[in-house]
Amino acid sequence: MGNEILYHYIHEADEIVVDQWLLIHDLIDVVVAVVAGVVVVVVHGVFAGVVDDVQLVAVEMIDELRNNLKNILFCLCFM
C-alpha cells in the first residue's frame, strides 16, 4: 500500500515537471521568435545590400541559441 501511494506522488511530480518543461519550451520559442524578428528588421535596415547572407547567419545563430537554451533548461528541470 505504501509503495502505491509513493508511486502515485512520484508520478504526479513527474507530470508537473514535464508540464513545466513544455511551458518553458514554448516560452523559449516565443522569445526566440520575437528576438529573431527584431534582429531581421535591424539587419535589414542596416545592411540593405548584404541582407540575404546576414539573415542566413542570423537564423543559424538564433537556432543554435534556442537549442542551447532548451538544453540548459532541460538539465535544470531535472536537477
C-alpha atoms as a PDB file:
ATOM      1  CA  MET A   1       0.000   0.000   0.000  1.00  0.00           C
ATOM      2  CA  GLY A   2       2.786   2.417   0.901  1.00  0.00           C
ATOM      3  CA  ASN A   3       4.576   1.798  -2.397  1.00  0.00           C
ATOM      4  CA  GLU A   4       1.399   2.540  -4.369  1.00  0.00           C
ATOM      5  CA  ILE A   5       0.974   5.890  -2.615  1.00  0.00           C
ATOM      6  CA  LEU A   6       4.639   6.728  -3.175  1.00  0.00           C
ATOM      7  CA  TYR A   7       4.355   5.768  -6.853  1.00  0.00           C
ATOM      8  CA  HIS A   8       1.263   7.994  -7.171  1.00  0.00           C
ATOM      9  CA  TYR A   9       3.103  11.041  -5.754  1.00  0.00           C
ATOM     10  CA  ILE A  10       6.187  10.391  -7.895  1.00  0.00           C
ATOM     11  CA  HIS A  11       4.012  10.069 -10.999  1.00  0.00           C
ATOM     12  CA  GLU A  12       2.236  13.373 -10.223  1.00  0.00           C
ATOM     13  CA  ALA A  13       5.579  15.108  -9.633  1.00  0.00           C
ATOM     14  CA  ASP A  14       6.878  13.805 -12.976  1.00  0.00           C
ATOM     15  CA  GLU A  15       3.784  15.161 -14.729  1.00  0.00           C
ATOM     16  CA  ILE A  16       4.302  18.573 -13.123  1.00  0.00           C
ATOM     17  CA  VAL A  17       7.961  18.663 -14.219  1.00  0.00           C
ATOM     18  CA  VAL A  18       7.017  17.654 -17.766  1.00  0.00           C
ATOM     19  CA  ASP A  19       4.254  20.289 -17.871  1.00  0.00           C
ATOM     20  CA  GLN A  20       6.690  22.938 -16.630  1.00  0.00           C
ATOM     21  CA  TRP A  21       9.262  21.855 -19.202  1.00  0.00           C
ATOM     22  CA  LEU A  22       6.703  22.084 -22.029  1.00  0.00           C
ATOM     23  CA  LEU A  23       5.700  25.567 -20.873  1.00  0.00           C
ATOM     24  CA  ILE A  24       9.335  26.686 -20.714  1.00  0.00           C
ATOM     25  CA  HIS A  25       9.921  25.117 -24.138  1.00  0.00           C
ATOM     26  CA  ASP A  26       7.031  27.132 -25.627  1.00  0.00           C
ATOM     27  CA  LEU A  27       8.161  30.342 -23.924  1.00  0.00           C
ATOM     28  CA  ILE A  28      11.660  29.920 -25.352  1.00  0.00           C
ATOM     29  CA  ASP A  29      10.178  29.539 -28.843  1.00  0.00           C
ATOM     30  CA  VAL A  30       8.156  32.736 -28.414  1.00  0.00           C
ATOM     31  CA  VAL A  31      11.100  34.743 -27.058  1.00  0.00           C
ATOM     32  CA  VAL A  32      13.426  33.494 -29.789  1.00  0.00           C
ATOM     33  CA  ALA A  33      10.838  34.292 -32.470  1.00  0.00           C
ATOM     34  CA  VAL A  34      10.488  37.856 -31.168  1.00  0.00           C
ATOM     35  CA  VAL A  35      14.261  38.301 -30.956  1.00  0.00           C
ATOM     36  CA  ALA A  36      14.667  36.848 -34.440  1.00  0.00           C
ATOM     37  CA  GLY A  37      12.081  39.274 -35.804  1.00  0.00           C
ATOM     38  CA  VAL A  38      13.862  42.240 -34.225  1.00  0.00           C
ATOM     39  CA  VAL A  39      17.253  41.035 -35.494  1.00  0.00           C
ATOM     40  CA  VAL A  40      15.948  40.596 -39.039  1.00  0.00           C
ATOM     41  CA  VAL A  41      14.371  44.069 -39.062  1.00  0.00           C
ATOM     42  CA  VAL A  42      17.524  45.714 -37.699  1.00  0.00           C
ATOM     43  CA  VAL A  43      19.809  43.777 -40.030  1.00  0.00           C
ATOM     44  CA  HIS A  44      17.583  44.587 -42.989  1.00  0.00           C
ATOM     45  CA  GLY A  45      17.654  48.279 -42.133  1.00  0.00           C
ATOM     46  CA  VAL A  46      21.408  48.480 -41.535  1.00  0.00           C
ATOM     47  CA  PHE A  47      22.804  46.113 -44.148  1.00  0.00           C
ATOM     48  CA  ALA A  48      20.408  46.536 -47.067  1.00  0.00           C
ATOM     49  CA  GLY A  49      22.970  45.311 -49.634  1.00  0.00           C
ATOM     50  CA  VAL A  50      24.052  42.091 -47.927  1.00  0.00           C
ATOM     51  CA  VAL A  51      20.817  41.175 -46.213  1.00  0.00           C
ATOM     52  CA  ASP A  52      20.476  37.636 -47.557  1.00  0.00           C
ATOM     53  CA  ASP A  53      23.853  36.434 -46.277  1.00  0.00           C
ATOM     54  CA  VAL A  54      23.462  38.179 -42.930  1.00  0.00           C
ATOM     55  CA  GLN A  55      19.929  36.822 -42.464  1.00  0.00           C
ATOM     56  CA  LEU A  56      21.097  33.250 -43.072  1.00  0.00           C
ATOM     57  CA  VAL A  57      23.857  33.625 -40.493  1.00  0.00           C
ATOM     58  CA  ALA A  58      21.444  35.281 -38.037  1.00  0.00           C
ATOM     59  CA  VAL A  59      18.891  32.485 -38.434  1.00  0.00           C
ATOM     60  CA  GLU A  60      21.551  29.822 -37.846  1.00  0.00           C
ATOM     61  CA  MET A  61      22.828  31.634 -34.771  1.00  0.00           C
ATOM     62  CA  ILE A  62      19.300  32.042 -33.373  1.00  0.00           C
ATOM     63  CA  ASP A  63      18.525  28.350 -33.934  1.00  0.00           C
ATOM     64  CA  GLU A  64      21.724  27.389 -32.130  1.00  0.00           C
ATOM     65  CA  LEU A  65      20.942  29.778 -29.267  1.00  0.00           C
ATOM     66  CA  ARG A  66      17.402  28.378 -28.929  1.00  0.00           C
ATOM     67  CA  ASN A  67      18.682  24.794 -28.853  1.00  0.00           C
ATOM     68  CA  ASN A  68      21.316  25.661 -26.250  1.00  0.00           C
ATOM     69  CA  LEU A  69      18.758  27.407 -24.033  1.00  0.00           C
ATOM     70  CA  LYS A  70      16.413  24.433 -24.264  1.00  0.00           C
ATOM     71  CA  ASN A  71      19.208  22.013 -23.343  1.00  0.00           C
ATOM     72  CA  ILE A  72      20.279  24.113 -20.369  1.00  0.00           C
ATOM     73  CA  LEU A  73      16.736  24.487 -19.056  1.00  0.00           C
ATOM     74  CA  PHE A  74      16.049  20.791 -19.629  1.00  0.00           C
ATOM     75  CA  CYS A  75      19.045  19.932 -17.451  1.00  0.00           C
ATOM     76  CA  LEU A  76      17.976  22.421 -14.781  1.00  0.00           C
ATOM     77  CA  CYS A  77      14.450  20.976 -14.646  1.00  0.00           C
ATOM     78  CA  PHE A  78      15.766  17.543 -13.709  1.00  0.00           C
ATOM     79  CA  MET A  79      18.410  18.577 -11.179  1.00  0.00           C
END
